[in-house]
Amino acid sequence: MTAKTNRSQADRDPAQWMPPAESATCTYLVDWTATRLRWALPMDDSEKTALLELAEPCADSVVEYETAP
């Protein structure tokens, strides 16, 4: 990820920002979801809806995580 791309993301969730490279979509969504689950972070309805819709083409992706200590 370039610095410019990282700045454009800021603190926005997938409902508001996705990586510009379409090939990165599934990896980004898996990483985003694993982080939320690991740290038991809340998710609002728009974020959940966006994740479910955006993840439709990622049927073969698996979210693996360990809960934080």
PDB file of N, CA and C in Angstrom:
ATOM      1  N   MET A   1       0.846  -1.164   0.000  1.00  0.00           N
ATOM      2  CA  MET A   1       0.000   0.000   0.000  1.00  0.00           C
ATOM      3  C   MET A   1       0.895   1.231   0.000  1.00  0.00           C
ATOM      4  N   THR A   2       0.564   2.180  -0.849  1.00  0.00           N
ATOM      5  CA  THR A   2       1.346   3.404  -0.894  1.00  0.00           C
ATOM      6  C   THR A   2       0.911   4.344   0.220  1.00  0.00           C
ATOM      7  N   ALA A   3       1.729   5.321   0.526  1.00  0.00           N
ATOM      8  CA  ALA A   3       1.383   6.305   1.557  1.00  0.00           C
ATOM      9  C   ALA A   3       0.126   7.069   1.155  1.00  0.00           C
ATOM     10  N   LYS A   4       0.002   7.385  -0.120  1.00  0.00           N
ATOM     11  CA  LYS A   4      -1.181   8.121  -0.604  1.00  0.00           C
ATOM     12  C   LYS A   4      -2.443   7.286  -0.392  1.00  0.00           C
ATOM     13  N   THR A   5      -2.381   6.003  -0.715  1.00  0.00           N
ATOM     14  CA  THR A   5      -3.533   5.124  -0.514  1.00  0.00           C
ATOM     15  C   THR A   5      -3.857   5.002   0.959  1.00  0.00           C
ATOM     16  N   ASN A   6      -2.846   4.856   1.793  1.00  0.00           N
ATOM     17  CA  ASN A   6      -3.062   4.749   3.230  1.00  0.00           C
ATOM     18  C   ASN A   6      -3.729   6.008   3.778  1.00  0.00           C
ATOM     19  N   ARG A   7      -3.307   7.170   3.342  1.00  0.00           N
ATOM     20  CA  ARG A   7      -3.930   8.420   3.788  1.00  0.00           C
ATOM     21  C   ARG A   7      -5.376   8.517   3.329  1.00  0.00           C
ATOM     22  N   SER A   8      -5.677   8.036   2.122  1.00  0.00           N
ATOM     23  CA  SER A   8      -7.046   8.125   1.612  1.00  0.00           C
ATOM     24  C   SER A   8      -7.986   7.236   2.418  1.00  0.00           C
ATOM     25  N   GLN A   9      -7.439   6.155   2.983  1.00  0.00           N
ATOM     26  CA  GLN A   9      -8.254   5.259   3.795  1.00  0.00           C
ATOM     27  C   GLN A   9      -8.586   5.892   5.139  1.00  0.00           C
ATOM     28  N   ALA A  10      -7.595   6.508   5.748  1.00  0.00           N
ATOM     29  CA  ALA A  10      -7.738   7.120   7.082  1.00  0.00           C
ATOM     30  C   ALA A  10      -8.385   6.118   8.031  1.00  0.00           C
ATOM     31  N   ASP A  11      -9.480   6.499   8.672  1.00  0.00           N
ATOM     32  CA  ASP A  11     -10.138   5.603   9.623  1.00  0.00           C
ATOM     33  C   ASP A  11     -11.491   5.135   9.089  1.00  0.00           C
ATOM     34  N   ARG A  12     -11.626   5.067   7.774  1.00  0.00           N
ATOM     35  CA  ARG A  12     -12.892   4.651   7.170  1.00  0.00           C
ATOM     36  C   ARG A  12     -12.986   3.138   7.086  1.00  0.00           C
ATOM     37  N   ASP A  13     -14.212   2.629   7.261  1.00  0.00           N
ATOM     38  CA  ASP A  13     -14.434   1.195   7.161  1.00  0.00           C
ATOM     39  C   ASP A  13     -14.784   0.824   5.717  1.00  0.00           C
ATOM     40  N   PRO A  14     -14.946  -0.465   5.413  1.00  0.00           N
ATOM     41  CA  PRO A  14     -15.219  -0.881   4.038  1.00  0.00           C
ATOM     42  C   PRO A  14     -16.508  -0.303   3.442  1.00  0.00           C
ATOM     43  N   ALA A  15     -17.422   0.177   4.249  1.00  0.00           N
ATOM     44  CA  ALA A  15     -18.619   0.830   3.714  1.00  0.00           C
ATOM     45  C   ALA A  15     -18.254   2.164   3.070  1.00  0.00           C
ATOM     46  N   GLN A  16     -17.113   2.723   3.467  1.00  0.00           N
ATOM     47  CA  GLN A  16     -16.711   4.055   2.999  1.00  0.00           C
ATOM     48  C   GLN A  16     -15.464   4.046   2.134  1.00  0.00           C
ATOM     49  N   TRP A  17     -14.663   2.985   2.202  1.00  0.00           N
ATOM     50  CA  TRP A  17     -13.406   2.950   1.444  1.00  0.00           C
ATOM     51  C   TRP A  17     -13.000   1.518   1.167  1.00  0.00           C
ATOM     52  N   MET A  18     -12.525   1.282  -0.043  1.00  0.00           N
ATOM     53  CA  MET A  18     -11.951  -0.007  -0.416  1.00  0.00           C
ATOM     54  C   MET A  18     -10.660   0.263  -1.162  1.00  0.00           C
ATOM     55  N   PRO A  19      -9.715  -0.678  -1.147  1.00  0.00           N
ATOM     56  CA  PRO A  19      -8.462  -0.475  -1.873  1.00  0.00           C
ATOM     57  C   PRO A  19      -8.753  -0.271  -3.370  1.00  0.00           C
ATOM     58  N   PRO A  20      -7.984   0.582  -4.022  1.00  0.00           N
ATOM     59  CA  PRO A  20      -8.238   0.840  -5.438  1.00  0.00           C
ATOM     60  C   PRO A  20      -8.003  -0.374  -6.333  1.00  0.00           C
ATOM     61  N   ALA A  21      -7.153  -1.292  -5.937  1.00  0.00           N
ATOM     62  CA  ALA A  21      -6.888  -2.494  -6.741  1.00  0.00           C
ATOM     63  C   ALA A  21      -7.966  -3.536  -6.435  1.00  0.00           C
ATOM     64  N   GLU A  22      -8.779  -3.839  -7.413  1.00  0.00           N
ATOM     65  CA  GLU A  22      -9.858  -4.808  -7.214  1.00  0.00           C
ATOM     66  C   GLU A  22      -9.316  -6.172  -6.779  1.00  0.00           C
ATOM     67  N   SER A  23      -8.116  -6.499  -7.198  1.00  0.00           N
ATOM     68  CA  SER A  23      -7.507  -7.781  -6.832  1.00  0.00           C
ATOM     69  C   SER A  23      -7.220  -7.876  -5.323  1.00  0.00           C
ATOM     70  N   ALA A  24      -7.243  -6.760  -4.626  1.00  0.00           N
ATOM     71  CA  ALA A  24      -6.962  -6.745  -3.185  1.00  0.00           C
ATOM     72  C   ALA A  24      -8.224  -6.832  -2.331  1.00  0.00           C
ATOM     73  N   THR A  25      -9.385  -6.846  -2.959  1.00  0.00           N
ATOM     74  CA  THR A  25     -10.647  -6.791  -2.223  1.00  0.00           C
ATOM     75  C   THR A  25     -10.781  -7.893  -1.184  1.00  0.00           C
ATOM     76  N   CYS A  26     -10.658  -9.144  -1.586  1.00  0.00           N
ATOM     77  CA  CYS A  26     -10.885 -10.252  -0.656  1.00  0.00           C
ATOM     78  C   CYS A  26      -9.864 -10.256   0.484  1.00  0.00           C
ATOM     79  N   THR A  27      -8.605 -10.021   0.146  1.00  0.00           N
ATOM     80  CA  THR A  27      -7.567  -9.979   1.183  1.00  0.00           C
ATOM     81  C   THR A  27      -7.869  -8.873   2.187  1.00  0.00           C
ATOM     82  N   TYR A  28      -8.244  -7.704   1.684  1.00  0.00           N
ATOM     83  CA  TYR A  28      -8.554  -6.574   2.559  1.00  0.00           C
ATOM     84  C   TYR A  28      -9.734  -6.908   3.481  1.00  0.00           C
ATOM     85  N   LEU A  29     -10.791  -7.489   2.917  1.00  0.00           N
ATOM     86  CA  LEU A  29     -11.975  -7.811   3.716  1.00  0.00           C
ATOM     87  C   LEU A  29     -11.679  -8.880   4.758  1.00  0.00           C
ATOM     88  N   VAL A  30     -10.886  -9.871   4.402  1.00  0.00           N
ATOM     89  CA  VAL A  30     -10.504 -10.915   5.363  1.00  0.00           C
ATOM     90  C   VAL A  30      -9.685 -10.294   6.499  1.00  0.00           C
ATOM     91  N   ASP A  31      -8.709  -9.470   6.151  1.00  0.00           N
ATOM     92  CA  ASP A  31      -7.870  -8.830   7.176  1.00  0.00           C
ATOM     93  C   ASP A  31      -8.693  -7.905   8.063  1.00  0.00           C
ATOM     94  N   TRP A  32      -9.585  -7.143   7.464  1.00  0.00           N
ATOM     95  CA  TRP A  32     -10.438  -6.206   8.218  1.00  0.00           C
ATOM     96  C   TRP A  32     -11.292  -6.984   9.217  1.00  0.00           C
ATOM     97  N   THR A  33     -11.930  -8.041   8.742  1.00  0.00           N
ATOM     98  CA  THR A  33     -12.818  -8.830   9.595  1.00  0.00           C
ATOM     99  C   THR A  33     -12.040  -9.536  10.703  1.00  0.00           C
ATOM    100  N   ALA A  34     -10.886 -10.103  10.375  1.00  0.00           N
ATOM    101  CA  ALA A  34     -10.072 -10.778  11.388  1.00  0.00           C
ATOM    102  C   ALA A  34      -9.641  -9.811  12.489  1.00  0.00           C
ATOM    103  N   THR A  35      -9.292  -8.602  12.112  1.00  0.00           N
ATOM    104  CA  THR A  35      -8.892  -7.594  13.102  1.00  0.00           C
ATOM    105  C   THR A  35     -10.062  -7.233  14.008  1.00  0.00           C
ATOM    106  N   ARG A  36     -11.242  -7.042  13.412  1.00  0.00           N
ATOM    107  CA  ARG A  36     -12.427  -6.707  14.218  1.00  0.00           C
ATOM    108  C   ARG A  36     -12.737  -7.830  15.206  1.00  0.00           C
ATOM    109  N   LEU A  37     -12.656  -9.066  14.734  1.00  0.00           N
ATOM    110  CA  LEU A  37     -12.952 -10.202  15.598  1.00  0.00           C
ATOM    111  C   LEU A  37     -11.880 -10.388  16.673  1.00  0.00           C
ATOM    112  N   ARG A  38     -10.613 -10.266  16.302  1.00  0.00           N
ATOM    113  CA  ARG A  38      -9.523 -10.448  17.262  1.00  0.00           C
ATOM    114  C   ARG A  38      -9.669  -9.516  18.450  1.00  0.00           C
ATOM    115  N   TRP A  39      -9.997  -8.267  18.185  1.00  0.00           N
ATOM    116  CA  TRP A  39     -10.061  -7.265  19.244  1.00  0.00           C
ATOM    117  C   TRP A  39     -11.485  -7.017  19.731  1.00  0.00           C
ATOM    118  N   ALA A  40     -12.446  -7.838  19.289  1.00  0.00           N
ATOM    119  CA  ALA A  40     -13.853  -7.716  19.692  1.00  0.00           C
ATOM    120  C   ALA A  40     -14.373  -6.293  19.491  1.00  0.00           C
ATOM    121  N   LEU A  41     -14.060  -5.722  18.326  1.00  0.00           N
ATOM    122  CA  LEU A  41     -14.482  -4.360  18.016  1.00  0.00           C
ATOM    123  C   LEU A  41     -15.912  -4.363  17.491  1.00  0.00           C
ATOM    124  N   PRO A  42     -16.710  -3.395  17.890  1.00  0.00           N
ATOM    125  CA  PRO A  42     -18.094  -3.351  17.417  1.00  0.00           C
ATOM    126  C   PRO A  42     -18.163  -3.026  15.921  1.00  0.00           C
ATOM    127  N   MET A  43     -19.281  -3.391  15.316  1.00  0.00           N
ATOM    128  CA  MET A  43     -19.498  -3.136  13.903  1.00  0.00           C
ATOM    129  C   MET A  43     -20.900  -2.547  13.739  1.00  0.00           C
ATOM    130  N   ASP A  44     -20.992  -1.393  13.062  1.00  0.00           N
ATOM    131  CA  ASP A  44     -22.316  -0.817  12.859  1.00  0.00           C
ATOM    132  C   ASP A  44     -23.003  -1.483  11.658  1.00  0.00           C
ATOM    133  N   ASP A  45     -24.290  -1.191  11.473  1.00  0.00           N
ATOM    134  CA  ASP A  45     -25.067  -1.851  10.432  1.00  0.00           C
ATOM    135  C   ASP A  45     -24.548  -1.578   9.023  1.00  0.00           C
ATOM    136  N   SER A  46     -24.110  -0.347   8.748  1.00  0.00           N
ATOM    137  CA  SER A  46     -23.624  -0.039   7.395  1.00  0.00           C
ATOM    138  C   SER A  46     -22.330  -0.798   7.104  1.00  0.00           C
ATOM    139  N   GLU A  47     -21.478  -0.930   8.094  1.00  0.00           N
ATOM    140  CA  GLU A  47     -20.236  -1.681   7.918  1.00  0.00           C
ATOM    141  C   GLU A  47     -20.537  -3.159   7.674  1.00  0.00           C
ATOM    142  N   LYS A  48     -21.434  -3.728   8.459  1.00  0.00           N
ATOM    143  CA  LYS A  48     -21.794  -5.139   8.309  1.00  0.00           C
ATOM    144  C   LYS A  48     -22.416  -5.394   6.933  1.00  0.00           C
ATOM    145  N   THR A  49     -23.325  -4.532   6.513  1.00  0.00           N
ATOM    146  CA  THR A  49     -23.965  -4.684   5.209  1.00  0.00           C
ATOM    147  C   THR A  49     -22.937  -4.611   4.090  1.00  0.00           C
ATOM    148  N   ALA A  50     -22.038  -3.644   4.168  1.00  0.00           N
ATOM    149  CA  ALA A  50     -20.993  -3.496   3.146  1.00  0.00           C
ATOM    150  C   ALA A  50     -20.092  -4.721   3.109  1.00  0.00           C
ATOM    151  N   LEU A  51     -19.685  -5.219   4.263  1.00  0.00           N
ATOM    152  CA  LEU A  51     -18.821  -6.399   4.311  1.00  0.00           C
ATOM    153  C   LEU A  51     -19.498  -7.610   3.652  1.00  0.00           C
ATOM    154  N   LEU A  52     -20.754  -7.818   3.982  1.00  0.00           N
ATOM    155  CA  LEU A  52     -21.468  -8.965   3.407  1.00  0.00           C
ATOM    156  C   LEU A  52     -21.622  -8.834   1.895  1.00  0.00           C
ATOM    157  N   GLU A  53     -21.946  -7.639   1.425  1.00  0.00           N
ATOM    158  CA  GLU A  53     -22.124  -7.424  -0.014  1.00  0.00           C
ATOM    159  C   GLU A  53     -20.796  -7.521  -0.761  1.00  0.00           C
ATOM    160  N   LEU A  54     -19.783  -6.866  -0.231  1.00  0.00           N
ATOM    161  CA  LEU A  54     -18.482  -6.858  -0.898  1.00  0.00           C
ATOM    162  C   LEU A  54     -17.825  -8.236  -0.885  1.00  0.00           C
ATOM    163  N   ALA A  55     -18.144  -9.051   0.116  1.00  0.00           N
ATOM    164  CA  ALA A  55     -17.503 -10.360   0.254  1.00  0.00           C
ATOM    165  C   ALA A  55     -18.159 -11.454  -0.586  1.00  0.00           C
ATOM    166  N   GLU A  56     -19.249 -11.153  -1.255  1.00  0.00           N
ATOM    167  CA  GLU A  56     -19.918 -12.184  -2.057  1.00  0.00           C
ATOM    168  C   GLU A  56     -18.981 -12.902  -3.022  1.00  0.00           C
ATOM    169  N   PRO A  57     -18.099 -12.195  -3.749  1.00  0.00           N
ATOM    170  CA  PRO A  57     -17.198 -12.910  -4.652  1.00  0.00           C
ATOM    171  C   PRO A  57     -16.017 -13.597  -3.941  1.00  0.00           C
ATOM    172  N   CYS A  58     -15.971 -13.519  -2.637  1.00  0.00           N
ATOM    173  CA  CYS A  58     -14.848 -14.071  -1.870  1.00  0.00           C
ATOM    174  C   CYS A  58     -15.228 -15.374  -1.172  1.00  0.00           C
ATOM    175  N   ALA A  59     -16.063 -16.162  -1.807  1.00  0.00           N
ATOM    176  CA  ALA A  59     -16.595 -17.372  -1.176  1.00  0.00           C
ATOM    177  C   ALA A  59     -15.509 -18.344  -0.711  1.00  0.00           C
ATOM    178  N   ASP A  60     -14.361 -18.353  -1.371  1.00  0.00           N
ATOM    179  CA  ASP A  60     -13.285 -19.272  -0.993  1.00  0.00           C
ATOM    180  C   ASP A  60     -12.377 -18.715   0.098  1.00  0.00           C
ATOM    181  N   SER A  61     -12.621 -17.486   0.508  1.00  0.00           N
ATOM    182  CA  SER A  61     -11.775 -16.856   1.532  1.00  0.00           C
ATOM    183  C   SER A  61     -12.193 -17.319   2.920  1.00  0.00           C
ATOM    184  N   VAL A  62     -11.208 -17.464   3.786  1.00  0.00           N
ATOM    185  CA  VAL A  62     -11.461 -17.896   5.161  1.00  0.00           C
ATOM    186  C   VAL A  62     -10.865 -16.866   6.108  1.00  0.00           C
ATOM    187  N   VAL A  63     -11.657 -16.463   7.098  1.00  0.00           N
ATOM    188  CA  VAL A  63     -11.175 -15.521   8.109  1.00  0.00           C
ATOM    189  C   VAL A  63     -10.648 -16.329   9.285  1.00  0.00           C
ATOM    190  N   GLU A  64      -9.358 -16.209   9.539  1.00  0.00           N
ATOM    191  CA  GLU A  64      -8.737 -16.880  10.673  1.00  0.00           C
ATOM    192  C   GLU A  64      -8.214 -15.830  11.643  1.00  0.00           C
ATOM    193  N   TYR A  65      -8.445 -16.031  12.924  1.00  0.00           N
ATOM    194  CA  TYR A  65      -7.992 -15.064  13.923  1.00  0.00           C
ATOM    195  C   TYR A  65      -7.881 -15.730  15.283  1.00  0.00           C
ATOM    196  N   GLU A  66      -7.121 -15.117  16.148  1.00  0.00           N
ATOM    197  CA  GLU A  66      -7.049 -15.501  17.548  1.00  0.00           C
ATOM    198  C   GLU A  66      -7.531 -14.311  18.360  1.00  0.00           C
ATOM    199  N   THR A  67      -8.295 -14.558  19.379  1.00  0.00           N
ATOM    200  CA  THR A  67      -8.737 -13.446  20.205  1.00  0.00           C
ATOM    201  C   THR A  67      -7.555 -12.866  20.960  1.00  0.00           C
ATOM    202  N   ALA A  68      -7.590 -11.571  21.140  1.00  0.00           N
ATOM    203  CA  ALA A  68      -6.505 -10.888  21.843  1.00  0.00           C
ATOM    204  C   ALA A  68      -6.526 -11.294  23.313  1.00  0.00           C
ATOM    205  N   PRO A  69      -5.352 -11.342  23.917  1.00  0.00           N
ATOM    206  CA  PRO A  69      -5.282 -11.746  25.337  1.00  0.00           C
ATOM    207  C   PRO A  69      -5.945 -10.744  26.255  1.00  0.00           C
TER     208      PRO A  69
END
